[in-house]
Amino acid sequence: MMRLSILALLLSIIVVAAEEKEEKEPPFRPFPEMPEVLFFDGYEAGGHSASKGGVSDEQAEAPSRKSLKFASYYQTGMHCTGSFGRSKFPENLNPNQVFIQFSIWSSDQGKINVYFTNSKAGVYTDAHQYQKEKKWQTVTFKLTDLRLNNKPVPADTLMSSYEIRFTPRGGEAPTVYMDNFCITANSRPELYMGKIAAMQGKTADIVRSGSKEGFNYTQQGNDALKAALKSARGAKRRPNTVLVIGGKPGEGEAVVKALQAAGPKAKVSGYTFVAAVSPDQSAVGGLEDVRTLLPYNLRKAEPEFVLMVFSNADGSAAGRNYDAVKASLERALEQGIIPIVIPPPPGGKADSFIGGVMRYCGELGAPCVDTGSVIKPVKDSMDGAELAAPGLEAVCITALQAIKHTEANVKK
């Protein structure tokens, strides 16, 4: 008995020692070459951090090609909201050495209120003045300038989301744009803007915009996909196999046929499409089946990609249904399988769902078809609130292009 106890103790010591030697995964950085940059959003393409406010190229004098146009907020106010995604800060960094910077433009003078949220502690706030209308102004401050009950941000907390409000001096709602939202550690953000711009220029061939190419794909998303696939290295997958889950029960086979027919038009070939099934052979499709039957189908098909199609009914249901989509994206990525998402057409209650899905796709690196942009020029693309055959063909062509583009870039 004594020998067994000693042996068990030795084994536990060996296990602990092995765990201590195991390298900790480094914290996420949007640009691994610049570890001082904790967060950056230039709003150049889909998958950006904002949940309220829209990417726009209307402001010709913006620091970069595109900027974020604020949404309306309470009478004449304007605002944007968003998530910091995988960027974690201060995460035991010195908050006094964490710098926040963004550029802002407004058609009127006014007050800028900044809100950073910690899900447990609450909302930290700071305020600034915008003094020259119709001019780009750079706002820079430290994380410790943000206060909650007159106390600064502690080092051991994590910020999860942001809101930036603009209250105009006059009585009319202004037009407001924001660009180059950057958070850095130990050095001020302006020291890195030139390098970031150069890196974005080098990766222009990777970035895809929903309004232009029909699907959203970013450099940061590409890096996130590579990291996820690396973590799941060794997982068994069938090359060029795409698992397809339709937007409503029984639609999977129709989507498979549409993908097969769209191949020549998309100039994409060599892929095998497999419709999702249920253990009892009942019809499969829609968000609820994605949530409950995805694990079964991933094990059964062992695909390289999974194409998730969502319907207007999915988007219009009450609650934060996009959170279930996020969980499904993470489940696929954990197994080294790349998710491709086709949200429902925009309109009504589905818009909130679409925004949440696109935001999560951007954070996790999942390519997302911009259904509204794709079907806009297509005649007879809709059958009521759902896609008709011409609309389905259009989004399938775009989905194939997204699959090809993703495969080409994650394997570089």
Foldseek 3Di string as FASTA:
>chain_A
DVVVVVVVVVVVVVVVVVVVPDDDDDQDDLDVVAVQWLAKFQLPAFLGFWLAWHWDQPPVPDPDRIWTKWDDDDQQKTKIKGWRFSRWPPQQADQQQKKKKKKKAKQAWWKKKKWWAFPPPGIWIAIDTRDDHGDIDMDMDTQQRTDDVNGGDDRNTTTTMMMMMTDGPDRHHIIMIMGITTMGGNDYPVVCPVVVVVVCVVCVVQADHCLPLQKGFDPSLLVLLLVLLVLQPPFFADPQEEEEAAADFPCQVVLQVLLVVLCVVLVHDDHHYHYFADPVRGTTHHLVRLLVVVVVRCVVRRHQEYEHEHEVVQLQDDDQSLVSVLVSCVVQSNNNHAYEYEYFADDDSSSSNVSSNSNSCSSNSHMYGNLNSQCVVPPPQDDVRGGDSRSSSRSSSSSSNVVVSSVVSSVD
